Structures are given as C-alpha cells and as structure tokens.
C-alpha cells in the first residue's frame, strides 16, 4: 500500500510521462463530453430561444418543467437509459448499451435541460432591448432568434461551459449505461471510482488532478467570458 506522498509522486509521474492508459481515459472523457455538449447545444439553444420569445398555452408550465429537469438525478437518468437500451427494452435491438454512444445519450439528457433553461433566461433578458423594435419592423421569429443568439453569445457561452462542466464530471449515469469497461467505456470519473476501490490511488489521483484542472479551467474561462460580456455591454 503506497503512502500518501508516494501516491502523489507517482500520480505526477503518470501525468508528466503521458501514460498511455491515462491518455486513453482522458481522450474518451473529452470526446464523450464534447459530443454530448455539441448535440445538446444544437437542440437546447434554439428551444431555449423559442421558449423565451414565443407565447403559447402552458408556456409557464413548460418553463417550470425545464427548470426542474436541470436538477435531474444522474442515477435516475442512467436507469431510464439502461431500461430503454437493454435487450428487453424498446431500443435494445440497436445494441447501444455499454458503449460510448449510450454514455453520450445519458449526458445529453442531463445537459440539454441546462442549456434550454439557461439560454431561455438569458434571451428573455436580451429580448427586452429588442422586442418593441422587432415588433414594429415585423421581424420574423427566425431572424429574431438568430439575432438574440448572436447578441447574447458571451452569456450563452457561459451557459455552455456550465453544461460542459456537468458532462465532464458526471459519473452516476454513465457508469450504469457504460459499464466502466476498460479500453471501451472507462472515463475519468468512473476510472477514479474503480481505481480508488482497488486501492490504486496513483492513477485515481492523476485522473482527479486532471479533472480538477479541467474544472478550474472551465470556471476561469466562464468568469473571463462574463467579464468580457460586461465590458462589451458598456462599450
């Protein structure tokens, strides 16, 4: 059993030597998280904009539902996806269970409500500056949505970074649908859980340090973007 200092020393060695297993896990984590984030943005940003500018029956109810879904328990999402993708489930014939695709689907379910909810709030605020002008000019909804998304791009980027943070740090759902299979579905969070239970603290610490660095970097970028947006607003 390694001591605390030995574990840290070995962890840094793994990082700086670019250990192949470490890079494989990191690569899959980034690939799965970015794919789920891009797909969630393609769905969530337009839906958030539509929810912000359109008036229809049950709109307020739908907003409440979206806000509630932003806090979905990951293990519940994992269970739902598992039941649908298992052999006895309606989509079992696709053979997606225990694959990166299943992990992407689970992360999308978790991230998409966050993108929809935050983008809706952001565009509602931006709309106050444009609503009267657009109504007087008869601007179409498509052009209005495009304008809102572009004008709020800095704030929306912050929302997107929040979504990425949720995706990259997720463990409950993806360990259920991915199975934490070595060289196939093992990502940073699931690997940390497994290696810690095995007592392999060096690899767990190395992955933990990388995950912490990514989280700090995402938060730094989010703060920088927010400050840049404020400066842009005052220009």
Protein backbone atom coordinates (compact mmCIF):
# COMPACT_ATOMS: atom_id res chain seq x y z
CA UNK A 1 0.00 0.00 0.00
CA UNK A 2 1.53 3.31 -1.08
CA UNK A 3 1.84 6.20 1.34
CA UNK A 4 0.09 9.50 0.69
CA UNK A 5 3.24 11.21 -0.58
CA UNK A 6 4.21 8.23 -2.75
CA UNK A 7 0.75 8.22 -4.35
CA UNK A 8 1.04 11.90 -5.23
CA UNK A 9 4.56 11.45 -6.57
CA UNK A 10 3.51 8.53 -8.78
CA UNK A 11 0.42 10.45 -9.91
CA UNK A 12 2.53 13.34 -11.15
CA UNK A 13 4.86 10.89 -12.88
CA UNK A 14 1.89 9.37 -14.72
CA UNK A 15 0.75 12.81 -15.82
CA UNK A 16 4.10 14.18 -16.98
CA UNK A 17 5.16 10.91 -18.63
CA UNK A 18 1.89 10.95 -20.64
CA UNK A 19 0.93 7.47 -19.52
CA UNK A 20 -0.93 5.64 -22.31
CA UNK A 21 -3.77 4.38 -20.08
CA UNK A 22 -4.20 7.86 -18.64
CA UNK A 23 -4.34 9.47 -22.09
CA UNK A 24 -6.81 6.86 -23.34
CA UNK A 25 -9.19 7.56 -20.46
CA UNK A 26 -8.76 11.32 -20.83
CA UNK A 27 -9.35 11.17 -24.60
CA UNK A 28 -12.58 9.20 -24.23
CA UNK A 29 -13.81 11.53 -21.47
CA UNK A 30 -13.26 14.62 -23.58
CA UNK A 31 -14.71 13.02 -26.69
CA UNK A 32 -17.89 11.82 -24.98
CA UNK A 33 -18.43 15.08 -23.09
CA UNK A 34 -17.83 17.34 -26.09
CA UNK A 35 -20.07 15.25 -28.36
CA UNK A 36 -22.91 15.30 -25.86
CA UNK A 37 -22.39 19.03 -25.31
CA UNK A 38 -22.47 19.90 -29.04
CA UNK A 39 -25.62 17.84 -29.60
CA UNK A 40 -27.24 19.36 -26.50
CA UNK A 41 -26.45 22.87 -27.77
CA UNK A 42 -27.88 22.10 -31.21
CA UNK A 43 -31.12 21.10 -29.50
CA UNK A 44 -31.12 23.33 -26.44
CA UNK A 45 -30.14 26.76 -27.79
CA UNK A 46 -32.94 27.00 -30.39
CA UNK A 47 -35.50 25.54 -27.98
CA UNK A 48 -34.42 27.94 -25.26
CA UNK A 49 -34.76 30.87 -27.66
CA UNK A 50 -38.21 29.74 -28.81
CA UNK A 51 -39.31 29.29 -25.20
CA UNK A 52 -38.08 32.80 -24.43
CA UNK A 53 -39.82 34.68 -27.27
CA UNK A 54 -42.97 32.71 -28.04
CA UNK A 55 -46.22 32.98 -26.12
CA UNK A 56 -48.36 29.85 -26.05
CA UNK A 57 -50.57 27.82 -23.74
CA UNK A 58 -48.73 26.08 -20.90
CA UNK A 59 -45.53 28.05 -21.61
CA UNK A 60 -45.01 28.84 -17.92
CA UNK A 61 -45.64 25.21 -17.04
CA UNK A 62 -43.08 24.12 -19.62
CA UNK A 63 -40.53 26.57 -18.21
CA UNK A 64 -41.10 25.14 -14.72
CA UNK A 65 -40.63 21.60 -16.07
CA UNK A 66 -37.39 22.55 -17.84
CA UNK A 67 -36.05 24.21 -14.69
CA UNK A 68 -36.94 21.09 -12.70
CA UNK A 69 -35.16 18.87 -15.23
CA UNK A 70 -31.99 20.91 -14.76
CA UNK A 71 -31.57 19.08 -11.47
CA UNK A 72 -32.25 15.56 -12.72
CA UNK A 73 -30.63 12.86 -10.53
CA UNK A 74 -27.93 11.25 -12.71
CA UNK A 75 -28.57 7.71 -11.45
CA UNK A 76 -32.26 8.02 -12.39
CA UNK A 77 -31.27 9.13 -15.90
CA UNK A 78 -28.84 6.23 -16.10
CA UNK A 79 -31.56 3.80 -15.04
CA UNK A 80 -34.04 5.16 -17.61
CA UNK A 81 -31.49 4.97 -20.44
CA UNK A 82 -30.45 1.49 -19.30
CA UNK A 83 -34.03 0.21 -19.35
CA UNK A 84 -34.57 1.61 -22.84
CA UNK A 85 -31.31 0.28 -24.29
CA UNK A 86 -31.26 -3.12 -22.58
CA UNK A 87 -32.16 -6.23 -24.60
CA UNK A 88 -35.71 -6.26 -23.23
CA UNK A 89 -36.13 -2.50 -23.79
CA UNK A 90 -37.71 -0.78 -26.82
CA UNK A 91 -34.31 0.19 -28.26
CA UNK A 92 -32.40 -2.92 -27.29
CA UNK A 93 -32.16 -4.01 -30.92
CA UNK A 94 -29.74 -1.10 -31.54
CA UNK A 95 -27.12 -2.73 -29.33
CA UNK A 96 -26.02 0.57 -27.80
CA UNK A 97 -25.84 -0.43 -24.15
CA UNK A 98 -22.32 -0.40 -22.68
CA UNK A 99 -20.98 1.80 -25.45
CA UNK A 100 -19.77 5.42 -25.70
CA UNK A 101 -22.99 6.20 -27.60
CA UNK A 102 -25.10 5.19 -24.58
CA UNK A 103 -22.95 7.45 -22.40
CA UNK A 104 -23.45 10.35 -24.81
CA UNK A 105 -27.22 9.82 -24.72
CA UNK A 106 -27.25 9.86 -20.90
CA UNK A 107 -25.14 13.01 -20.76
CA UNK A 108 -27.36 14.71 -23.35
CA UNK A 109 -30.42 14.06 -21.18
CA UNK A 110 -28.62 15.70 -18.26
CA UNK A 111 -27.10 18.63 -20.16
CA UNK A 112 -29.88 19.61 -22.60
CA UNK A 113 -32.30 20.92 -19.91
CA UNK A 114 -29.45 23.05 -18.52
CA UNK A 115 -28.79 24.58 -21.96
CA UNK A 116 -32.51 25.15 -22.57
CA UNK A 117 -33.17 26.67 -19.14
CA UNK A 118 -30.15 28.99 -19.04
CA UNK A 119 -30.49 30.11 -22.67
CA UNK A 120 -34.18 30.86 -22.09
CA UNK A 121 -33.35 33.09 -19.11
CA UNK A 122 -30.53 34.83 -20.99
CA UNK A 123 -32.56 35.51 -24.13
CA UNK A 124 -35.55 36.72 -22.10
CA UNK A 125 -33.28 39.44 -20.70
CA UNK A 126 -31.85 40.33 -24.13
CA UNK A 127 -35.31 40.42 -25.68
CA UNK A 128 -36.29 43.41 -23.54
CA UNK A 129 -33.95 45.60 -25.61
CA UNK A 130 -35.24 44.38 -28.98
CA UNK A 131 -38.91 43.46 -28.55
CA UNK A 132 -40.53 46.79 -29.43
CA UNK A 133 -38.19 47.40 -32.37
CA UNK A 134 -38.68 43.92 -33.82
CA UNK A 135 -42.46 44.11 -33.44
CA UNK A 136 -42.60 47.50 -35.21
CA UNK A 137 -40.44 46.18 -38.07
CA UNK A 138 -42.30 42.89 -38.32
CA UNK A 139 -39.11 40.82 -37.91
CA UNK A 140 -39.72 37.09 -38.35
CA UNK A 141 -39.18 34.69 -35.45
CA UNK A 142 -36.26 33.02 -37.24
CA UNK A 143 -34.39 36.30 -37.70
CA UNK A 144 -35.23 37.35 -34.16
CA UNK A 145 -33.89 34.10 -32.71
CA UNK A 146 -30.71 34.41 -34.79
CA UNK A 147 -30.20 37.98 -33.56
CA UNK A 148 -30.83 37.08 -29.92
CA UNK A 149 -28.43 34.14 -30.05
CA UNK A 150 -25.71 36.28 -31.62
CA UNK A 151 -26.15 39.24 -29.30
CA UNK A 152 -26.17 37.01 -26.21
CA UNK A 153 -23.25 34.88 -27.40
CA UNK A 154 -20.99 35.76 -24.49
CA UNK A 155 -23.59 34.91 -21.86
CA UNK A 156 -24.62 31.80 -23.79
CA UNK A 157 -21.02 30.64 -23.86
CA UNK A 158 -21.03 30.76 -20.08
CA UNK A 159 -24.15 28.57 -20.08
CA UNK A 160 -22.44 26.16 -22.48
CA UNK A 161 -19.43 25.94 -20.18
CA UNK A 162 -21.76 25.09 -17.30
CA UNK A 163 -23.15 22.28 -19.44
CA UNK A 164 -19.66 21.01 -20.20
CA UNK A 165 -18.80 21.04 -16.51
CA UNK A 166 -21.88 18.92 -15.80
CA UNK A 167 -20.97 16.48 -18.56
CA UNK A 168 -17.27 16.02 -17.78
CA UNK A 169 -17.89 15.47 -14.06
CA UNK A 170 -20.78 13.02 -14.46
CA UNK A 171 -20.37 9.53 -13.01
CA UNK A 172 -23.71 8.10 -11.85
CA UNK A 173 -25.47 7.82 -15.19
CA UNK A 174 -22.54 6.82 -17.37
CA UNK A 175 -21.31 4.08 -15.06
CA UNK A 176 -24.77 2.49 -15.36
CA UNK A 177 -25.09 2.70 -19.15
CA UNK A 178 -21.37 2.45 -19.98
CA UNK A 179 -20.38 -0.30 -17.58
CA UNK A 180 -16.89 1.18 -16.97
CA UNK A 181 -15.34 -1.28 -19.46
CA UNK A 182 -11.57 -0.97 -19.83
CA UNK A 183 -10.45 0.39 -23.24
CA UNK A 184 -14.07 0.95 -24.25
CA UNK A 185 -16.22 2.99 -21.85
CA UNK A 186 -13.89 3.92 -19.00
CA UNK A 187 -13.81 7.68 -18.47
CA UNK A 188 -12.16 9.80 -15.79
CA UNK A 189 -14.95 9.79 -13.22
CA UNK A 190 -15.70 6.07 -13.47
CA UNK A 191 -11.99 5.23 -13.50
CA UNK A 192 -11.44 7.28 -10.34
CA UNK A 193 -14.24 5.35 -8.62
CA UNK A 194 -12.85 1.98 -9.71
CA UNK A 195 -9.18 2.68 -9.00
CA UNK A 196 -9.96 4.09 -5.56
CA UNK A 197 -11.93 0.96 -4.65
CA UNK A 198 -8.99 -1.17 -5.88
CA UNK A 199 -6.52 0.85 -3.85
CA UNK A 200 -4.68 2.12 -6.94
CA UNK A 201 -4.52 5.65 -5.61
CA UNK A 202 -1.80 6.84 -8.01
CA UNK A 203 -3.94 6.54 -11.13
CA UNK A 204 -7.02 7.79 -9.26
CA UNK A 205 -5.11 10.85 -8.05
CA UNK A 206 -3.66 11.51 -11.51
CA UNK A 207 -7.13 11.44 -13.04
CA UNK A 208 -8.51 13.50 -10.16
CA UNK A 209 -5.86 16.18 -10.65
CA UNK A 210 -6.61 16.35 -14.38
CA UNK A 211 -10.36 16.55 -13.74
CA UNK A 212 -9.82 19.28 -11.15
CA UNK A 213 -7.62 21.19 -13.60
CA UNK A 214 -10.29 20.96 -16.29
CA UNK A 215 -12.95 22.19 -13.84
CA UNK A 216 -10.78 25.13 -12.78
CA UNK A 217 -10.03 25.98 -16.40
CA UNK A 218 -13.73 25.89 -17.33
CA UNK A 219 -14.58 28.15 -14.40
CA UNK A 220 -11.76 30.53 -15.29
CA UNK A 221 -12.98 30.75 -18.89
CA UNK A 222 -16.58 31.27 -17.70
CA UNK A 223 -15.51 34.17 -15.46
CA UNK A 224 -13.39 35.66 -18.25
CA UNK A 225 -16.27 35.44 -20.73
CA UNK A 226 -18.65 37.00 -18.20
CA UNK A 227 -16.29 39.92 -17.60
CA UNK A 228 -15.74 40.33 -21.35
CA UNK A 229 -19.50 40.45 -21.86
CA UNK A 230 -19.83 43.19 -19.23
CA UNK A 231 -17.11 45.25 -20.89
CA UNK A 232 -18.79 44.74 -24.26
CA UNK A 233 -22.09 45.93 -22.82
CA UNK A 234 -20.53 49.19 -21.65
CA UNK A 235 -18.82 49.95 -24.96
